[in-house]
Amino acid sequence: MPAMTEILRLFEQAALSVGPVILEVYRAGAEIRLKGDRTPVTEADEAAERIILSALSRRLPHIPVVAEEEAAAGRLPDISAGRFILVDPLDGTREFIGGHDDFTVNIALVENGVPVAGVVYAPALGVAYLGAGGVAERLTIGADFQVTERCPIRTRQRPLRACALISRSHNSEATMAFIDEAGIEEKHTVGSSLKFCLLAEGKADIYPRFGRTMEWDTAAGDAVLRAAGGLTATTNGTPLVYGKHVQDDAPFANPNFIAWADPRRRG
C-alpha cells in the first residue's frame, strides 16, 4: 500500500488533471441534464469523473472508490474493509452552471469512518487545498495547471466577532436560525466544499449545514479542515463519520452538521 504522502500526491495529480476539461466546458457553456434525484449534471461532471477514476484504478486498484456519478447510476463498491475513496468530480454544479467560480473537484480517503486525506481543487480560482496527518496546505495553480506555490495553512482561534459561511445554492431557514441564535452577525455566502477550506486557512469560523449533503460533497473539505486543526461534527457534537452505506433515504447521505475552525469553542 502506498504511503499517505504518495496517496495525497496522486489525489493532487488526479484533481489537477481534470482542470482543463472542466474549464473548457465552463467557458463554452454546459449542456445540463437532470438525474433521477432531480439534481443537475453536465458533461464536465461525467468527463472529470472518468479521468479521475481511471487514474485511481491504475495506481490504487485495491481501494474501492465511491464516486458521485457512479453512485447515481447505482454502481456502489463494497466498502466493508473500512478504507475507501470518495470522489465528487464537480462539487457545486449549480455554481458551475450559474457562472460562479466557486466550484471544486473533491477527492478523499476514508479510513474507518474518518476522512484522513483530501484534496479540494477550484479550477476557475486557480487554487487547491490538501490535508492529511495534521498538515494542510493551500496551493496556487498556474494557467498551465501546475503548482506555483505551496503554503501551510491552519485554522484560527475563534475571535469575538465570529464569521459564518453559508451555502449559496442550498441555504435553509434552519441554518439561518442557528446562526441567529448563536449571535453571529458576519456571514458570507460561498459555494461548494470551499467553505471547509476557508475555515481551514483561517478566513472564517463556522459552517453550519442544515440540509441535504452527500459524503462525496464533504469528505475532501472535511479532511483538509481536520488536518488544519478544525472539526466537522453532527448536531449532537460527535464527529461526522463516513461510510454510511445504508440510510433510510439514500446511501452515503450526511446528517445535519456543523464545521468548526476552533473545536474548543463550539457553541
Protein backbone atom coordinates (compact mmCIF):
# COMPACT_ATOMS: atom_id res chain seq x y z
CA MET A 1 0.00 0.00 0.00
CA PRO A 2 1.48 3.41 -0.92
CA ALA A 3 2.37 5.82 1.89
CA MET A 4 -0.09 8.57 2.75
CA THR A 5 2.13 11.20 1.11
CA GLU A 6 2.05 9.22 -2.14
CA ILE A 7 -1.72 8.85 -1.97
CA LEU A 8 -2.17 12.56 -1.37
CA ARG A 9 0.12 13.41 -4.28
CA LEU A 10 -1.84 11.06 -6.52
CA PHE A 11 -5.06 12.78 -5.46
CA GLU A 12 -3.47 16.13 -6.26
CA GLN A 13 -2.36 14.99 -9.71
CA ALA A 14 -5.73 13.45 -10.49
CA ALA A 15 -7.63 16.56 -9.42
CA LEU A 16 -5.41 18.96 -11.37
CA SER A 17 -5.58 16.76 -14.47
CA VAL A 18 -9.30 17.48 -14.91
CA GLY A 19 -8.92 21.25 -14.68
CA PRO A 20 -8.60 21.76 -18.47
CA VAL A 21 -11.66 19.60 -19.21
CA ILE A 22 -13.84 21.33 -16.63
CA LEU A 23 -12.82 24.85 -17.63
CA GLU A 24 -13.32 24.15 -21.33
CA VAL A 25 -16.95 23.22 -20.66
CA TYR A 26 -17.38 26.07 -18.18
CA ARG A 27 -16.26 28.69 -20.68
CA ALA A 28 -18.15 27.20 -23.63
CA GLY A 29 -21.38 26.67 -21.70
CA ALA A 30 -22.52 23.32 -20.36
CA GLU A 31 -25.35 21.13 -21.55
CA ILE A 32 -27.47 20.41 -18.48
CA ARG A 33 -29.47 17.28 -17.68
CA LEU A 34 -31.35 16.22 -14.56
CA LYS A 35 -30.51 12.98 -12.79
CA GLY A 36 -33.07 10.75 -11.17
CA ASP A 37 -32.91 12.74 -7.94
CA ARG A 38 -33.59 15.94 -9.93
CA THR A 39 -30.09 17.32 -9.37
CA PRO A 40 -28.24 18.72 -12.39
CA VAL A 41 -25.34 17.05 -14.14
CA THR A 42 -23.18 18.24 -17.05
CA GLU A 43 -20.69 16.70 -19.42
CA ALA A 44 -17.95 18.23 -17.24
CA ASP A 45 -19.07 16.14 -14.22
CA GLU A 46 -19.03 12.96 -16.28
CA ALA A 47 -15.76 13.56 -18.15
CA ALA A 48 -13.91 14.60 -14.99
CA GLU A 49 -15.14 11.53 -13.12
CA ARG A 50 -13.97 9.19 -15.88
CA ILE A 51 -10.48 10.70 -15.83
CA ILE A 52 -10.19 10.58 -12.03
CA LEU A 53 -11.47 7.01 -11.77
CA SER A 54 -9.01 5.88 -14.45
CA ALA A 55 -6.10 7.44 -12.57
CA LEU A 56 -7.16 5.93 -9.25
CA SER A 57 -7.73 2.46 -10.69
CA ARG A 58 -4.23 2.41 -12.21
CA ARG A 59 -2.42 3.48 -9.04
CA LEU A 60 -4.71 2.30 -6.24
CA PRO A 61 -6.55 -0.68 -7.69
CA HIS A 62 -7.27 -2.31 -4.32
CA ILE A 63 -9.05 0.68 -2.74
CA PRO A 64 -12.75 0.88 -3.64
CA VAL A 65 -14.00 4.22 -4.94
CA VAL A 66 -17.41 5.75 -4.32
CA ALA A 67 -17.94 8.42 -6.98
CA GLU A 68 -20.97 10.68 -7.37
CA GLU A 69 -21.99 9.83 -10.91
CA GLU A 70 -21.26 6.13 -10.48
CA ALA A 71 -23.42 6.15 -7.35
CA ALA A 72 -26.19 7.94 -9.24
CA ALA A 73 -26.13 5.07 -11.72
CA GLY A 74 -26.45 2.56 -8.88
CA ARG A 75 -22.86 1.34 -9.06
CA LEU A 76 -21.57 1.16 -5.47
CA PRO A 77 -18.50 -0.85 -4.42
CA ASP A 78 -18.03 -2.97 -1.32
CA ILE A 79 -16.53 -0.71 1.38
CA SER A 80 -16.79 -3.19 4.25
CA ALA A 81 -12.99 -3.27 4.69
CA GLY A 82 -13.22 0.26 6.09
CA ARG A 83 -10.88 2.00 3.65
CA PHE A 84 -12.30 3.65 0.55
CA ILE A 85 -12.09 6.78 -1.61
CA LEU A 86 -14.83 9.36 -2.15
CA VAL A 87 -14.89 11.39 -5.37
CA ASP A 88 -17.01 14.35 -6.37
CA PRO A 89 -15.72 15.34 -9.82
CA LEU A 90 -17.57 18.67 -9.79
CA ASP A 91 -18.93 19.91 -6.48
CA GLY A 92 -21.09 22.97 -6.83
CA THR A 93 -22.65 22.08 -10.17
CA ARG A 94 -25.22 24.83 -9.66
CA GLU A 95 -22.39 27.35 -9.21
CA PHE A 96 -20.77 25.96 -12.35
CA ILE A 97 -23.99 26.31 -14.34
CA GLY A 98 -24.68 29.77 -12.93
CA GLY A 99 -21.27 31.19 -13.89
CA HIS A 100 -19.88 31.36 -10.35
CA ASP A 101 -16.23 30.37 -9.99
CA ASP A 102 -16.52 28.61 -6.62
CA PHE A 103 -16.96 25.02 -7.81
CA THR A 104 -14.49 22.31 -6.87
CA VAL A 105 -13.06 18.86 -7.53
CA ASN A 106 -13.05 16.69 -4.39
CA ILE A 107 -11.07 13.50 -3.68
CA ALA A 108 -10.77 12.00 -0.19
CA LEU A 109 -9.51 8.85 1.50
CA VAL A 110 -11.63 7.47 4.35
CA GLU A 111 -10.37 5.01 6.94
CA ASN A 112 -12.78 3.53 9.47
CA GLY A 113 -15.22 6.38 9.07
CA VAL A 114 -12.64 9.19 9.26
CA PRO A 115 -11.57 11.36 6.28
CA VAL A 116 -7.79 11.06 6.65
CA ALA A 117 -6.61 12.69 3.41
CA GLY A 118 -8.25 15.06 0.98
CA VAL A 119 -7.75 17.35 -1.98
CA VAL A 120 -10.07 20.19 -2.96
CA TYR A 121 -9.31 21.94 -6.27
CA ALA A 122 -11.10 25.04 -7.57
CA PRO A 123 -10.06 25.23 -11.26
CA ALA A 124 -11.62 28.63 -12.03
CA LEU A 125 -9.96 30.19 -8.98
CA GLY A 126 -6.54 28.64 -9.55
CA VAL A 127 -6.30 27.29 -6.02
CA ALA A 128 -6.23 23.88 -4.35
CA TYR A 129 -6.13 22.63 -0.76
CA LEU A 130 -4.53 19.47 0.62
CA GLY A 131 -4.76 17.90 4.04
CA ALA A 132 -3.55 14.75 5.82
CA GLY A 133 -1.81 13.77 9.03
CA GLY A 134 -2.26 17.09 10.79
CA VAL A 135 -0.71 19.08 7.91
CA ALA A 136 -2.71 21.22 5.48
CA GLU A 137 -1.61 23.34 2.51
CA ARG A 138 -3.00 25.90 0.13
CA LEU A 139 -1.71 25.54 -3.43
CA THR A 140 -1.61 28.23 -6.09
CA ILE A 141 -2.22 26.76 -9.54
CA GLY A 142 -0.92 28.49 -12.65
CA ALA A 143 -2.52 28.87 -16.07
CA ASP A 144 -0.69 25.70 -17.16
CA PHE A 145 -2.40 23.77 -14.33
CA GLN A 146 0.89 23.32 -12.47
CA VAL A 147 1.53 24.21 -8.83
CA THR A 148 3.37 27.51 -8.50
CA GLU A 149 3.27 27.90 -4.71
CA ARG A 150 2.58 25.83 -1.60
CA CYS A 151 1.71 27.48 1.72
CA PRO A 152 0.92 25.77 5.03
CA ILE A 153 -2.46 26.72 6.48
CA ARG A 154 -4.03 26.49 9.92
CA THR A 155 -7.39 27.31 11.43
CA ARG A 156 -7.67 30.38 13.66
CA GLN A 157 -8.85 30.73 17.23
CA ARG A 158 -12.41 31.94 17.30
CA PRO A 159 -12.48 35.74 17.56
CA LEU A 160 -15.05 37.76 19.49
CA ARG A 161 -16.84 38.51 16.22
CA ALA A 162 -17.09 35.14 14.54
CA CYS A 163 -17.71 34.72 10.81
CA ALA A 164 -20.12 32.11 9.46
CA LEU A 165 -20.19 30.62 5.97
CA ILE A 166 -23.43 29.60 4.30
CA SER A 167 -24.26 27.79 1.08
CA ARG A 168 -25.17 29.89 -1.94
CA SER A 169 -27.41 27.28 -3.55
CA HIS A 170 -28.62 25.26 -0.56
CA ASN A 171 -29.24 27.63 2.31
CA SER A 172 -32.12 26.88 4.69
CA GLU A 173 -34.23 28.52 7.37
CA ALA A 174 -32.78 26.11 9.93
CA THR A 175 -29.24 27.20 9.04
CA MET A 176 -30.09 30.87 9.41
CA ALA A 177 -31.92 30.21 12.69
CA PHE A 178 -28.82 28.50 14.08
CA ILE A 179 -26.61 31.43 13.08
CA ASP A 180 -29.01 33.97 14.55
CA GLU A 181 -29.32 32.03 17.81
CA ALA A 182 -25.52 31.89 18.03
CA GLY A 183 -25.40 35.68 17.70
CA ILE A 184 -23.15 35.61 14.64
CA GLU A 185 -23.57 38.75 12.58
CA GLU A 186 -20.89 38.35 9.90
CA LYS A 187 -21.96 35.92 7.19
CA HIS A 188 -20.53 35.10 3.78
CA THR A 189 -22.11 33.06 1.01
CA VAL A 190 -19.81 30.53 -0.68
CA GLY A 191 -20.45 27.57 -2.97
CA SER A 192 -19.13 24.01 -2.84
CA SER A 193 -16.59 22.49 -0.46
CA LEU A 194 -14.60 25.72 -0.44
CA LYS A 195 -16.40 26.59 2.79
CA PHE A 196 -14.38 23.92 4.63
CA CYS A 197 -11.18 25.26 3.08
CA LEU A 198 -11.84 28.85 4.10
CA LEU A 199 -12.25 27.62 7.66
CA ALA A 200 -9.03 25.65 7.29
CA GLU A 201 -6.99 28.67 6.20
CA GLY A 202 -8.28 30.91 8.97
CA LYS A 203 -10.67 33.10 7.00
CA ALA A 204 -13.88 32.09 8.80
CA ASP A 205 -15.02 30.27 11.92
CA ILE A 206 -18.13 28.17 11.42
CA TYR A 207 -20.06 26.47 8.64
CA PRO A 208 -23.44 25.09 9.75
CA ARG A 209 -25.27 22.91 7.27
CA PHE A 210 -28.89 22.01 7.96
CA GLY A 211 -29.92 20.38 4.72
CA ARG A 212 -29.06 17.55 2.39
CA THR A 213 -25.42 16.75 1.57
CA MET A 214 -23.72 13.58 0.46
CA GLU A 215 -20.44 12.19 1.70
CA TRP A 216 -18.64 12.95 -1.57
CA ASP A 217 -19.67 16.61 -1.13
CA THR A 218 -17.94 16.93 2.23
CA ALA A 219 -15.18 14.35 2.77
CA ALA A 220 -12.30 16.10 1.00
CA GLY A 221 -13.00 19.51 2.54
CA ASP A 222 -13.56 17.88 5.91
CA ALA A 223 -10.18 16.12 5.62
CA VAL A 224 -8.47 19.44 4.88
CA LEU A 225 -10.26 21.12 7.78
CA ARG A 226 -9.35 18.38 10.27
CA ALA A 227 -5.72 18.41 9.10
CA ALA A 228 -5.67 22.19 9.69
CA GLY A 229 -6.97 21.86 13.26
CA GLY A 230 -10.74 22.02 12.78
CA LEU A 231 -13.57 19.54 13.10
CA THR A 232 -16.88 18.68 11.48
CA ALA A 233 -19.46 17.36 13.92
CA THR A 234 -23.10 16.35 13.94
CA THR A 235 -25.60 18.44 15.87
CA ASN A 236 -25.11 16.20 18.91
CA GLY A 237 -21.40 17.01 18.95
CA THR A 238 -19.93 13.76 17.67
CA PRO A 239 -17.51 13.85 14.71
CA LEU A 240 -19.14 13.35 11.32
CA VAL A 241 -18.44 9.80 10.12
CA TYR A 242 -18.21 8.41 6.60
CA GLY A 243 -19.22 5.12 5.06
CA LYS A 244 -22.92 5.41 5.85
CA HIS A 245 -23.82 2.92 3.16
CA VAL A 246 -27.29 2.08 4.47
CA GLN A 247 -29.55 5.04 5.15
CA ASP A 248 -33.31 5.45 5.28
CA ASP A 249 -33.33 7.89 2.37
CA ALA A 250 -30.15 7.27 0.40
CA PRO A 251 -26.73 5.63 0.75
CA PHE A 252 -23.93 7.96 1.81
CA ALA A 253 -26.25 10.78 2.88
CA ASN A 254 -24.99 13.06 5.66
CA PRO A 255 -27.00 14.25 8.65
CA ASN A 256 -27.06 17.93 9.56
CA PHE A 257 -23.61 19.05 10.66
CA ILE A 258 -21.52 21.99 11.82
CA ALA A 259 -17.92 22.55 10.71
CA TRP A 260 -15.79 24.37 13.27
CA ALA A 261 -12.46 26.11 12.78
CA ASP A 262 -11.87 26.13 16.55
CA PRO A 263 -13.35 22.92 18.04
CA ARG A 264 -12.50 24.08 21.57
CA ARG A 265 -15.01 26.90 21.28
CA ARG A 266 -18.10 25.22 20.00
CA GLY A 267 -21.48 26.67 20.83
